Amino acid sequence: MSNFSVWLRTWWFRLLLLAVVIVVGSYFLLEWRQGHWENEALAKALTPVIEKKDGEASMVAAAILGNYFETRANAATWSGVYWSFTFLAAILGALAGLILKLESFEQEKRRRDVAAFFSVTAALLITISTSGDFQRKWQSNRLAAAELEGAGYQLIEHRGEDARAYLEKVRRILLRRQLAVVGAGETNDAEGKKATADS
């Protein structure tokens, strides 16, 4: 048996290959989803306003839609990272316990090594996900996208009147999103409440 065949059969290579497939698959899934956002209701509703080139209304509509796409992309990315880490950690943790109980592993040493590797990897995934606040980043971008969507519909409802006033709403929404991403939302609660009231 060649060295490559032995290498191909190792657990390490299989796990590395699985990780690469998950990362590449997630990337292409996000790219595919981003292309479909252009067909969403908000994009279809704001596109005529943008294409009119009607001064301020067109500019504000483009700003709202551009920021909406960005926050949706960020939300999808962080959601994918968070749930991938969570599910992978759960699967690896369960497999670690299962491997220790299986009798089909002939080598006791290998069985303990694989179970220990799965347990440590699961613990690291949870630690990284928690310390990186992936869930908060996903949720703050998702909420910002919803608020930007609401601002876009308000702009259309008011037929673009006083369009420049919407830039302040967009600014507040984006500021609140950034404060939530870095974990400073609690110290700027008054700004956050004002953004919510205005949007």
N, C-alpha and C. Protein backbone atom coordinates (compact mmCIF):
# COMPACT_ATOMS: atom_id res chain seq x y z
N MET A 1 0.85 -1.20 0.00
CA MET A 1 0.00 0.00 0.00
C MET A 1 0.89 1.25 0.00
N SER A 2 0.61 2.20 -0.90
CA SER A 2 1.44 3.39 -1.01
C SER A 2 1.25 4.32 0.18
N ASN A 3 2.23 5.22 0.35
CA ASN A 3 2.14 6.20 1.43
C ASN A 3 0.93 7.11 1.26
N PHE A 4 0.61 7.43 -0.02
CA PHE A 4 -0.53 8.31 -0.27
C PHE A 4 -1.83 7.64 0.18
N SER A 5 -1.95 6.34 -0.07
CA SER A 5 -3.16 5.62 0.33
C SER A 5 -3.33 5.62 1.84
N VAL A 6 -2.20 5.46 2.54
CA VAL A 6 -2.25 5.50 4.00
C VAL A 6 -2.64 6.89 4.47
N TRP A 7 -2.05 7.91 3.85
CA TRP A 7 -2.35 9.31 4.21
C TRP A 7 -3.82 9.63 3.96
N LEU A 8 -4.32 9.09 2.83
CA LEU A 8 -5.71 9.35 2.47
C LEU A 8 -6.67 8.74 3.47
N ARG A 9 -6.26 7.67 4.14
CA ARG A 9 -7.14 6.96 5.07
C ARG A 9 -7.10 7.54 6.48
N THR A 10 -6.21 8.44 6.75
CA THR A 10 -6.10 8.97 8.12
C THR A 10 -7.27 9.88 8.45
N TRP A 11 -7.58 9.94 9.73
CA TRP A 11 -8.67 10.81 10.22
C TRP A 11 -8.36 12.27 9.98
N TRP A 12 -7.10 12.63 10.12
CA TRP A 12 -6.72 14.04 10.00
C TRP A 12 -7.04 14.56 8.61
N PHE A 13 -6.67 13.77 7.61
CA PHE A 13 -6.92 14.22 6.24
C PHE A 13 -8.41 14.31 5.96
N ARG A 14 -9.16 13.35 6.45
CA ARG A 14 -10.62 13.37 6.23
C ARG A 14 -11.26 14.60 6.87
N LEU A 15 -10.84 14.93 8.08
CA LEU A 15 -11.39 16.11 8.75
C LEU A 15 -11.00 17.40 8.04
N LEU A 16 -9.75 17.46 7.58
CA LEU A 16 -9.30 18.64 6.84
C LEU A 16 -10.09 18.79 5.55
N LEU A 17 -10.30 17.68 4.85
CA LEU A 17 -11.07 17.71 3.62
C LEU A 17 -12.51 18.15 3.87
N LEU A 18 -13.10 17.65 4.96
CA LEU A 18 -14.46 18.04 5.32
C LEU A 18 -14.53 19.54 5.61
N ALA A 19 -13.56 20.07 6.33
CA ALA A 19 -13.53 21.51 6.65
C ALA A 19 -13.42 22.35 5.38
N VAL A 20 -12.57 21.92 4.45
CA VAL A 20 -12.40 22.65 3.18
C VAL A 20 -13.70 22.64 2.39
N VAL A 21 -14.37 21.48 2.33
CA VAL A 21 -15.63 21.37 1.60
C VAL A 21 -16.69 22.28 2.22
N ILE A 22 -16.75 22.34 3.55
CA ILE A 22 -17.73 23.19 4.24
C ILE A 22 -17.47 24.66 3.94
N VAL A 23 -16.20 25.08 4.03
CA VAL A 23 -15.85 26.49 3.79
C VAL A 23 -16.15 26.88 2.35
N VAL A 24 -15.69 26.07 1.39
CA VAL A 24 -15.91 26.39 -0.02
C VAL A 24 -17.41 26.36 -0.35
N GLY A 25 -18.12 25.36 0.16
CA GLY A 25 -19.56 25.28 -0.07
C GLY A 25 -20.31 26.47 0.49
N SER A 26 -19.91 26.90 1.70
CA SER A 26 -20.54 28.07 2.33
C SER A 26 -20.30 29.33 1.50
N TYR A 27 -19.08 29.47 0.97
CA TYR A 27 -18.74 30.65 0.17
C TYR A 27 -19.64 30.72 -1.07
N PHE A 28 -19.75 29.59 -1.80
CA PHE A 28 -20.57 29.59 -3.02
C PHE A 28 -22.06 29.75 -2.70
N LEU A 29 -22.50 29.22 -1.56
CA LEU A 29 -23.89 29.40 -1.16
C LEU A 29 -24.20 30.86 -0.90
N LEU A 30 -23.26 31.55 -0.21
CA LEU A 30 -23.46 32.98 0.08
C LEU A 30 -23.45 33.80 -1.20
N GLU A 31 -22.55 33.47 -2.14
CA GLU A 31 -22.52 34.18 -3.42
C GLU A 31 -23.83 33.98 -4.18
N TRP A 32 -24.36 32.76 -4.16
CA TRP A 32 -25.61 32.47 -4.84
C TRP A 32 -26.76 33.24 -4.22
N ARG A 33 -26.79 33.26 -2.87
CA ARG A 33 -27.87 33.98 -2.18
C ARG A 33 -27.80 35.47 -2.44
N GLN A 34 -26.57 36.03 -2.49
CA GLN A 34 -26.44 37.47 -2.71
C GLN A 34 -26.98 37.86 -4.08
N GLY A 35 -26.78 37.01 -5.08
CA GLY A 35 -27.32 37.29 -6.41
C GLY A 35 -28.83 37.29 -6.42
N HIS A 36 -29.44 36.49 -5.55
CA HIS A 36 -30.91 36.42 -5.49
C HIS A 36 -31.52 37.58 -4.71
N TRP A 37 -30.72 38.28 -3.91
CA TRP A 37 -31.27 39.42 -3.16
C TRP A 37 -31.71 40.53 -4.09
N GLU A 38 -31.13 40.61 -5.27
CA GLU A 38 -31.51 41.65 -6.22
C GLU A 38 -32.94 41.46 -6.72
N ASN A 39 -33.49 40.28 -6.52
CA ASN A 39 -34.87 40.01 -6.93
C ASN A 39 -35.85 40.14 -5.78
N GLU A 40 -35.38 40.60 -4.63
CA GLU A 40 -36.27 40.76 -3.48
C GLU A 40 -37.21 41.94 -3.69
N ALA A 41 -38.26 41.98 -2.89
CA ALA A 41 -39.29 43.01 -3.03
C ALA A 41 -38.73 44.42 -2.86
N LEU A 42 -37.84 44.61 -1.88
CA LEU A 42 -37.30 45.95 -1.65
C LEU A 42 -36.50 46.42 -2.86
N ALA A 43 -35.69 45.54 -3.42
CA ALA A 43 -34.89 45.91 -4.60
C ALA A 43 -35.79 46.28 -5.77
N LYS A 44 -36.84 45.49 -5.98
CA LYS A 44 -37.76 45.78 -7.08
C LYS A 44 -38.50 47.10 -6.85
N ALA A 45 -38.81 47.39 -5.58
CA ALA A 45 -39.56 48.62 -5.27
C ALA A 45 -38.68 49.86 -5.39
N LEU A 46 -37.40 49.75 -5.00
CA LEU A 46 -36.52 50.92 -5.02
C LEU A 46 -35.85 51.15 -6.38
N THR A 47 -35.75 50.13 -7.19
CA THR A 47 -35.07 50.27 -8.49
C THR A 47 -35.68 51.37 -9.37
N PRO A 48 -37.02 51.46 -9.49
CA PRO A 48 -37.56 52.57 -10.30
C PRO A 48 -37.20 53.95 -9.76
N VAL A 49 -37.14 54.08 -8.44
CA VAL A 49 -36.76 55.37 -7.84
C VAL A 49 -35.31 55.69 -8.17
N ILE A 50 -34.44 54.67 -8.09
CA ILE A 50 -33.02 54.88 -8.39
C ILE A 50 -32.82 55.22 -9.86
N GLU A 51 -33.53 54.53 -10.73
CA GLU A 51 -33.36 54.73 -12.17
C GLU A 51 -33.91 56.06 -12.67
N LYS A 52 -34.80 56.70 -11.89
CA LYS A 52 -35.33 58.02 -12.29
C LYS A 52 -34.27 59.10 -12.28
N LYS A 53 -33.20 58.85 -11.52
CA LYS A 53 -32.14 59.86 -11.37
C LYS A 53 -32.72 61.18 -10.90
N ASP A 54 -33.68 61.06 -9.98
CA ASP A 54 -34.42 62.23 -9.51
C ASP A 54 -33.73 62.84 -8.29
N GLY A 55 -32.53 63.31 -8.47
CA GLY A 55 -31.80 64.03 -7.42
C GLY A 55 -31.68 63.27 -6.12
N GLU A 56 -32.16 63.88 -5.06
CA GLU A 56 -31.98 63.35 -3.71
C GLU A 56 -32.69 62.02 -3.50
N ALA A 57 -33.88 61.87 -4.01
CA ALA A 57 -34.63 60.63 -3.82
C ALA A 57 -33.88 59.44 -4.41
N SER A 58 -33.32 59.63 -5.59
CA SER A 58 -32.55 58.57 -6.24
C SER A 58 -31.30 58.22 -5.44
N MET A 59 -30.61 59.25 -4.96
CA MET A 59 -29.39 59.05 -4.19
C MET A 59 -29.68 58.31 -2.88
N VAL A 60 -30.73 58.73 -2.19
CA VAL A 60 -31.08 58.11 -0.90
C VAL A 60 -31.54 56.67 -1.11
N ALA A 61 -32.34 56.43 -2.15
CA ALA A 61 -32.80 55.07 -2.45
C ALA A 61 -31.61 54.15 -2.72
N ALA A 62 -30.62 54.64 -3.46
CA ALA A 62 -29.42 53.85 -3.75
C ALA A 62 -28.63 53.58 -2.47
N ALA A 63 -28.56 54.57 -1.59
CA ALA A 63 -27.83 54.39 -0.32
C ALA A 63 -28.53 53.35 0.55
N ILE A 64 -29.84 53.43 0.63
CA ILE A 64 -30.59 52.47 1.44
C ILE A 64 -30.43 51.06 0.90
N LEU A 65 -30.60 50.91 -0.43
CA LEU A 65 -30.51 49.58 -1.03
C LEU A 65 -29.09 49.00 -0.92
N GLY A 66 -28.08 49.83 -1.14
CA GLY A 66 -26.70 49.37 -1.03
C GLY A 66 -26.36 48.89 0.37
N ASN A 67 -26.78 49.69 1.37
CA ASN A 67 -26.53 49.30 2.76
C ASN A 67 -27.37 48.08 3.16
N TYR A 68 -28.56 47.97 2.59
CA TYR A 68 -29.40 46.79 2.86
C TYR A 68 -28.72 45.52 2.36
N PHE A 69 -28.19 45.56 1.12
CA PHE A 69 -27.48 44.40 0.58
C PHE A 69 -26.26 44.05 1.43
N GLU A 70 -25.54 45.09 1.87
CA GLU A 70 -24.34 44.85 2.67
C GLU A 70 -24.68 44.19 4.01
N THR A 71 -25.71 44.70 4.69
CA THR A 71 -26.07 44.13 5.99
C THR A 71 -26.65 42.73 5.83
N ARG A 72 -27.38 42.47 4.75
CA ARG A 72 -27.87 41.11 4.50
C ARG A 72 -26.71 40.15 4.26
N ALA A 73 -25.70 40.61 3.50
CA ALA A 73 -24.52 39.77 3.25
C ALA A 73 -23.78 39.48 4.55
N ASN A 74 -23.61 40.51 5.37
CA ASN A 74 -22.94 40.33 6.66
C ASN A 74 -23.72 39.38 7.57
N ALA A 75 -25.05 39.55 7.58
CA ALA A 75 -25.89 38.69 8.42
C ALA A 75 -25.78 37.24 7.96
N ALA A 76 -25.80 37.02 6.64
CA ALA A 76 -25.70 35.66 6.11
C ALA A 76 -24.35 35.04 6.44
N THR A 77 -23.29 35.84 6.34
CA THR A 77 -21.94 35.33 6.64
C THR A 77 -21.83 34.93 8.10
N TRP A 78 -22.18 35.84 9.00
CA TRP A 78 -22.05 35.55 10.43
C TRP A 78 -23.01 34.46 10.88
N SER A 79 -24.19 34.40 10.27
CA SER A 79 -25.12 33.33 10.58
C SER A 79 -24.54 31.98 10.17
N GLY A 80 -23.95 31.93 8.97
CA GLY A 80 -23.34 30.70 8.50
C GLY A 80 -22.19 30.26 9.38
N VAL A 81 -21.35 31.22 9.79
CA VAL A 81 -20.22 30.89 10.65
C VAL A 81 -20.71 30.40 12.01
N TYR A 82 -21.66 31.13 12.59
CA TYR A 82 -22.15 30.78 13.92
C TYR A 82 -22.79 29.39 13.94
N TRP A 83 -23.72 29.15 13.01
CA TRP A 83 -24.42 27.86 13.03
C TRP A 83 -23.52 26.71 12.59
N SER A 84 -22.56 26.98 11.71
CA SER A 84 -21.59 25.93 11.33
C SER A 84 -20.78 25.51 12.55
N PHE A 85 -20.27 26.49 13.29
CA PHE A 85 -19.50 26.18 14.49
C PHE A 85 -20.36 25.43 15.50
N THR A 86 -21.61 25.89 15.68
CA THR A 86 -22.49 25.28 16.68
C THR A 86 -22.82 23.83 16.33
N PHE A 87 -23.25 23.60 15.08
CA PHE A 87 -23.62 22.24 14.68
C PHE A 87 -22.41 21.31 14.63
N LEU A 88 -21.28 21.83 14.13
CA LEU A 88 -20.08 21.00 14.05
C LEU A 88 -19.60 20.62 15.45
N ALA A 89 -19.67 21.55 16.38
CA ALA A 89 -19.28 21.25 17.76
C ALA A 89 -20.20 20.19 18.37
N ALA A 90 -21.50 20.31 18.10
CA ALA A 90 -22.46 19.32 18.63
C ALA A 90 -22.20 17.94 18.04
N ILE A 91 -21.95 17.89 16.73
CA ILE A 91 -21.70 16.60 16.07
C ILE A 91 -20.42 15.96 16.58
N LEU A 92 -19.35 16.77 16.68
CA LEU A 92 -18.07 16.24 17.15
C LEU A 92 -18.16 15.77 18.61
N GLY A 93 -18.89 16.53 19.43
CA GLY A 93 -19.06 16.14 20.83
C GLY A 93 -19.80 14.82 20.95
N ALA A 94 -20.86 14.66 20.12
CA ALA A 94 -21.62 13.40 20.14
C ALA A 94 -20.77 12.24 19.62
N LEU A 95 -20.00 12.49 18.56
CA LEU A 95 -19.16 11.44 18.00
C LEU A 95 -18.07 11.00 18.98
N ALA A 96 -17.56 11.94 19.74
CA ALA A 96 -16.52 11.60 20.73
C ALA A 96 -17.05 10.58 21.73
N GLY A 97 -18.27 10.82 22.22
CA GLY A 97 -18.87 9.87 23.15
C GLY A 97 -19.21 8.55 22.50
N LEU A 98 -19.66 8.60 21.24
CA LEU A 98 -20.03 7.38 20.52
C LEU A 98 -18.81 6.50 20.25
N ILE A 99 -17.71 7.13 19.82
CA ILE A 99 -16.50 6.37 19.49
C ILE A 99 -15.98 5.60 20.69
N LEU A 100 -16.08 6.20 21.86
CA LEU A 100 -15.60 5.52 23.07
C LEU A 100 -16.41 4.26 23.37
N LYS A 101 -17.66 4.23 22.91
CA LYS A 101 -18.53 3.08 23.19
C LYS A 101 -18.49 2.02 22.09
N LEU A 102 -17.99 2.39 20.91
CA LEU A 102 -17.98 1.44 19.79
C LEU A 102 -16.93 0.36 20.01
N GLU A 103 -17.28 -0.85 19.69
CA GLU A 103 -16.35 -1.97 19.81
C GLU A 103 -15.67 -2.28 18.48
N SER A 104 -16.08 -1.61 17.39
CA SER A 104 -15.52 -1.91 16.08
C SER A 104 -14.10 -1.37 15.91
N PHE A 105 -13.73 -0.40 16.75
CA PHE A 105 -12.35 0.08 16.74
C PHE A 105 -11.46 -0.98 17.40
N GLU A 106 -10.59 -1.56 16.61
CA GLU A 106 -9.75 -2.64 17.14
C GLU A 106 -8.65 -2.09 18.06
N GLN A 107 -8.14 -0.93 17.72
CA GLN A 107 -7.04 -0.36 18.51
C GLN A 107 -7.61 0.61 19.55
N GLU A 108 -7.46 0.24 20.80
CA GLU A 108 -7.97 1.05 21.91
C GLU A 108 -7.32 2.43 21.92
N LYS A 109 -6.01 2.45 21.65
CA LYS A 109 -5.28 3.72 21.67
C LYS A 109 -5.82 4.68 20.61
N ARG A 110 -6.07 4.17 19.40
CA ARG A 110 -6.59 5.03 18.34
C ARG A 110 -8.00 5.53 18.70
N ARG A 111 -8.81 4.67 19.29
CA ARG A 111 -10.16 5.07 19.67
C ARG A 111 -10.12 6.22 20.67
N ARG A 112 -9.27 6.14 21.66
CA ARG A 112 -9.16 7.22 22.65
C ARG A 112 -8.61 8.49 22.03
N ASP A 113 -7.64 8.33 21.12
CA ASP A 113 -7.06 9.51 20.46
C ASP A 113 -8.10 10.25 19.62
N VAL A 114 -8.88 9.50 18.85
CA VAL A 114 -9.90 10.13 17.99
C VAL A 114 -10.97 10.80 18.85
N ALA A 115 -11.41 10.12 19.90
CA ALA A 115 -12.43 10.70 20.79
C ALA A 115 -11.92 11.97 21.45
N ALA A 116 -10.66 11.95 21.90
CA ALA A 116 -10.07 13.13 22.52
C ALA A 116 -9.96 14.28 21.52
N PHE A 117 -9.57 13.96 20.29
CA PHE A 117 -9.46 14.99 19.25
C PHE A 117 -10.81 15.63 18.98
N PHE A 118 -11.86 14.80 18.86
CA PHE A 118 -13.20 15.33 18.62
C PHE A 118 -13.67 16.20 19.78
N SER A 119 -13.40 15.77 20.99
CA SER A 119 -13.83 16.54 22.17
C SER A 119 -13.14 17.89 22.24
N VAL A 120 -11.83 17.88 22.01
CA VAL A 120 -11.06 19.14 22.07
C VAL A 120 -11.51 20.08 20.94
N THR A 121 -11.70 19.53 19.74
CA THR A 121 -12.13 20.36 18.62
C THR A 121 -13.51 20.97 18.88
N ALA A 122 -14.43 20.19 19.43
CA ALA A 122 -15.76 20.70 19.76
C ALA A 122 -15.68 21.82 20.78
N ALA A 123 -14.84 21.63 21.80
CA ALA A 123 -14.68 22.66 22.83
C ALA A 123 -14.08 23.94 22.24
N LEU A 124 -13.11 23.79 21.33
CA LEU A 124 -12.50 24.96 20.69
C LEU A 124 -13.50 25.71 19.82
N LEU A 125 -14.32 24.98 19.09
CA LEU A 125 -15.32 25.63 18.24
C LEU A 125 -16.30 26.45 19.06
N ILE A 126 -16.76 25.90 20.17
CA ILE A 126 -17.69 26.64 21.03
C ILE A 126 -17.00 27.85 21.64
N THR A 127 -15.75 27.68 22.08
CA THR A 127 -15.01 28.79 22.70
C THR A 127 -14.80 29.92 21.70
N ILE A 128 -14.38 29.58 20.48
CA ILE A 128 -14.14 30.60 19.46
C ILE A 128 -15.44 31.31 19.10
N SER A 129 -16.52 30.53 18.92
CA SER A 129 -17.81 31.12 18.57
C SER A 129 -18.31 32.06 19.66
N THR A 130 -18.14 31.65 20.91
CA THR A 130 -18.61 32.46 22.03
C THR A 130 -17.76 33.71 22.22
N SER A 131 -16.44 33.53 22.23
CA SER A 131 -15.55 34.69 22.45
C SER A 131 -15.57 35.65 21.27
N GLY A 132 -15.86 35.13 20.07
CA GLY A 132 -15.96 36.00 18.90
C GLY A 132 -17.31 36.66 18.74
N ASP A 133 -18.26 36.32 19.61
CA ASP A 133 -19.61 36.90 19.56
C ASP A 133 -20.24 36.78 18.18
N PHE A 134 -20.10 35.61 17.56
CA PHE A 134 -20.64 35.41 16.22
C PHE A 134 -22.16 35.58 16.19
N GLN A 135 -22.83 35.13 17.25
CA GLN A 135 -24.28 35.23 17.28
C GLN A 135 -24.72 36.69 17.32
N ARG A 136 -24.05 37.51 18.14
CA ARG A 136 -24.42 38.92 18.24
C ARG A 136 -24.18 39.63 16.91
N LYS A 137 -23.08 39.30 16.22
CA LYS A 137 -22.78 39.94 14.93
C LYS A 137 -23.83 39.58 13.89
N TRP A 138 -24.25 38.32 13.90
CA TRP A 138 -25.29 37.89 12.97
C TRP A 138 -26.59 38.63 13.26
N GLN A 139 -27.00 38.68 14.54
CA GLN A 139 -28.28 39.29 14.88
C GLN A 139 -28.29 40.79 14.65
N SER A 140 -27.19 41.47 14.96
CA SER A 140 -27.16 42.93 14.78
C SER A 140 -27.26 43.30 13.30
N ASN A 141 -26.62 42.53 12.43
CA ASN A 141 -26.71 42.80 10.99
C ASN A 141 -28.11 42.48 10.47
N ARG A 142 -28.71 41.43 11.00
CA ARG A 142 -30.06 41.06 10.56
C ARG A 142 -31.07 42.13 10.95
N LEU A 143 -30.94 42.66 12.18
CA LEU A 143 -31.84 43.73 12.63
C LEU A 143 -31.63 45.01 11.82
N ALA A 144 -30.36 45.32 11.52
CA ALA A 144 -30.08 46.52 10.72
C ALA A 144 -30.69 46.38 9.33
N ALA A 145 -30.61 45.18 8.74
CA ALA A 145 -31.21 44.97 7.42
C ALA A 145 -32.72 45.18 7.48
N ALA A 146 -33.36 44.70 8.54
CA ALA A 146 -34.81 44.88 8.68
C ALA A 146 -35.16 46.36 8.82
N GLU A 147 -34.35 47.12 9.58
CA GLU A 147 -34.62 48.55 9.75
C GLU A 147 -34.39 49.31 8.44
N LEU A 148 -33.36 48.93 7.69
CA LEU A 148 -33.12 49.58 6.40
C LEU A 148 -34.24 49.27 5.42
N GLU A 149 -34.76 48.06 5.49
CA GLU A 149 -35.89 47.69 4.64
C GLU A 149 -37.10 48.56 4.97
N GLY A 150 -37.34 48.77 6.27
CA GLY A 150 -38.43 49.64 6.68
C GLY A 150 -38.25 51.07 6.20
N ALA A 151 -37.01 51.57 6.27
CA ALA A 151 -36.73 52.94 5.79
C ALA A 151 -36.96 53.04 4.28
N GLY A 152 -36.60 51.98 3.56
CA GLY A 152 -36.82 51.99 2.11
C GLY A 152 -38.29 52.06 1.76
N TYR A 153 -39.09 51.29 2.47
CA TYR A 153 -40.53 51.32 2.20
C TYR A 153 -41.16 52.66 2.62
N GLN A 154 -40.64 53.26 3.67
CA GLN A 154 -41.14 54.59 4.06
C GLN A 154 -40.82 55.63 2.99
N LEU A 155 -39.63 55.54 2.41
CA LEU A 155 -39.24 56.47 1.35
C LEU A 155 -40.20 56.34 0.16
N ILE A 156 -40.53 55.11 -0.20
CA ILE A 156 -41.46 54.89 -1.31
C ILE A 156 -42.86 55.37 -0.95
N GLU A 157 -43.27 55.11 0.29
CA GLU A 157 -44.62 55.51 0.74
C GLU A 157 -44.79 57.02 0.68
N HIS A 158 -43.73 57.75 1.00
CA HIS A 158 -43.81 59.22 0.99
C HIS A 158 -43.37 59.80 -0.35
N ARG A 159 -43.26 58.93 -1.37
CA ARG A 159 -42.94 59.35 -2.74
C ARG A 159 -41.65 60.16 -2.82
N GLY A 160 -40.70 59.83 -1.97
CA GLY A 160 -39.39 60.47 -2.03
C GLY A 160 -39.34 61.88 -1.48
N GLU A 161 -40.42 62.33 -0.84
CA GLU A 161 -40.44 63.69 -0.28
C GLU A 161 -39.50 63.77 0.92
N ASP A 162 -38.81 64.88 1.02
CA ASP A 162 -37.85 65.11 2.11
C ASP A 162 -36.88 63.91 2.22
N ALA A 163 -36.35 63.53 1.06
CA ALA A 163 -35.51 62.32 0.99
C ALA A 163 -34.26 62.44 1.85
N ARG A 164 -33.68 63.63 1.92
CA ARG A 164 -32.42 63.78 2.66
C ARG A 164 -32.58 63.42 4.14
N ALA A 165 -33.78 63.56 4.69
CA ALA A 165 -34.01 63.21 6.10
C ALA A 165 -33.76 61.72 6.35
N TYR A 166 -33.92 60.90 5.32
CA TYR A 166 -33.71 59.47 5.48
C TYR A 166 -32.23 59.12 5.66
N LEU A 167 -31.35 59.99 5.21
CA LEU A 167 -29.92 59.72 5.40
C LEU A 167 -29.56 59.68 6.88
N GLU A 168 -30.22 60.52 7.68
CA GLU A 168 -29.98 60.49 9.12
C GLU A 168 -30.47 59.18 9.73
N LYS A 169 -31.60 58.67 9.23
CA LYS A 169 -32.08 57.37 9.70
C LYS A 169 -31.08 56.27 9.36
N VAL A 170 -30.58 56.31 8.13
CA VAL A 170 -29.60 55.30 7.71
C VAL A 170 -28.35 55.39 8.57
N ARG A 171 -27.90 56.63 8.83
CA ARG A 171 -26.71 56.81 9.65
C ARG A 171 -26.90 56.21 11.04
N ARG A 172 -28.05 56.47 11.64
CA ARG A 172 -28.32 55.95 12.99
C ARG A 172 -28.40 54.41 12.99
N ILE A 173 -29.03 53.85 11.98
CA ILE A 173 -29.14 52.39 11.88
C ILE A 173 -27.76 51.76 11.77
N LEU A 174 -26.92 52.32 10.91
CA LEU A 174 -25.59 51.76 10.70
C LEU A 174 -24.70 51.96 11.93
N LEU A 175 -24.85 53.09 12.60
CA LEU A 175 -24.08 53.32 13.83
C LEU A 175 -24.47 52.31 14.90
N ARG A 176 -25.78 52.11 15.05
CA ARG A 176 -26.24 51.15 16.05
C ARG A 176 -25.76 49.73 15.73
N ARG A 177 -25.75 49.41 14.44
CA ARG A 177 -25.24 48.08 14.03
C ARG A 177 -23.77 47.93 14.41
N GLN A 178 -22.98 48.95 14.12
CA GLN A 178 -21.54 48.87 14.45
C GLN A 178 -21.32 48.79 15.96
N LEU A 179 -22.09 49.55 16.72
CA LEU A 179 -21.95 49.50 18.18
C LEU A 179 -22.31 48.12 18.71
N ALA A 180 -23.33 47.49 18.12
CA ALA A 180 -23.71 46.14 18.55
C ALA A 180 -22.64 45.12 18.16
N VAL A 181 -22.04 45.28 16.98
CA VAL A 181 -21.01 44.34 16.51
C VAL A 181 -19.80 44.36 17.43
N VAL A 182 -19.38 45.56 17.86
CA VAL A 182 -18.20 45.65 18.72
C VAL A 182 -18.54 45.49 20.19
N GLY A 183 -19.82 45.34 20.51
CA GLY A 183 -20.21 45.10 21.89
C GLY A 183 -20.36 46.35 22.72
N ALA A 184 -20.51 47.49 22.05
CA ALA A 184 -20.65 48.76 22.78
C ALA A 184 -22.08 49.24 22.82
N GLY A 185 -23.01 48.39 22.41
CA GLY A 185 -24.42 48.80 22.35
C GLY A 185 -25.00 49.17 23.69
N GLU A 186 -24.53 48.48 24.74
CA GLU A 186 -25.07 48.74 26.08
C GLU A 186 -24.71 50.13 26.58
N THR A 187 -23.52 50.61 26.21
CA THR A 187 -23.07 51.92 26.69
C THR A 187 -23.67 53.06 25.88
N ASN A 188 -24.29 52.74 24.76
CA ASN A 188 -24.90 53.76 23.92
C ASN A 188 -26.39 53.47 23.74
N ASP A 189 -27.04 53.14 24.81
CA ASP A 189 -28.43 52.73 24.76
C ASP A 189 -29.34 53.87 24.28
N ALA A 190 -29.02 55.10 24.67
CA ALA A 190 -29.86 56.24 24.26
C ALA A 190 -29.81 56.42 22.75
N GLU A 191 -28.62 56.27 22.16
CA GLU A 191 -28.49 56.38 20.71
C GLU A 191 -29.26 55.27 20.02
N GLY A 192 -29.19 54.07 20.57
CA GLY A 192 -29.89 52.92 19.99
C GLY A 192 -31.39 53.10 20.03
N LYS A 193 -31.90 53.60 21.16
CA LYS A 193 -33.34 53.81 21.29
C LYS A 193 -33.83 54.89 20.32
N LYS A 194 -33.01 55.93 20.14
CA LYS A 194 -33.39 56.99 19.23
C LYS A 194 -33.45 56.48 17.79
N ALA A 195 -32.47 55.60 17.45
CA ALA A 195 -32.45 55.02 16.09
C ALA A 195 -33.70 54.18 15.86
N THR A 196 -34.08 53.40 16.86
CA THR A 196 -35.27 52.56 16.74
C THR A 196 -36.52 53.40 16.60
N ALA A 197 -36.62 54.47 17.39
CA ALA A 197 -37.80 55.34 17.32
C ALA A 197 -37.89 56.03 15.98
N ASP A 198 -36.74 56.48 15.45
CA ASP A 198 -36.75 57.20 14.19
C ASP A 198 -37.05 56.30 13.00
N SER A 199 -36.60 55.03 13.10
CA SER A 199 -36.82 54.14 11.95
C SER A 199 -38.20 53.49 12.01
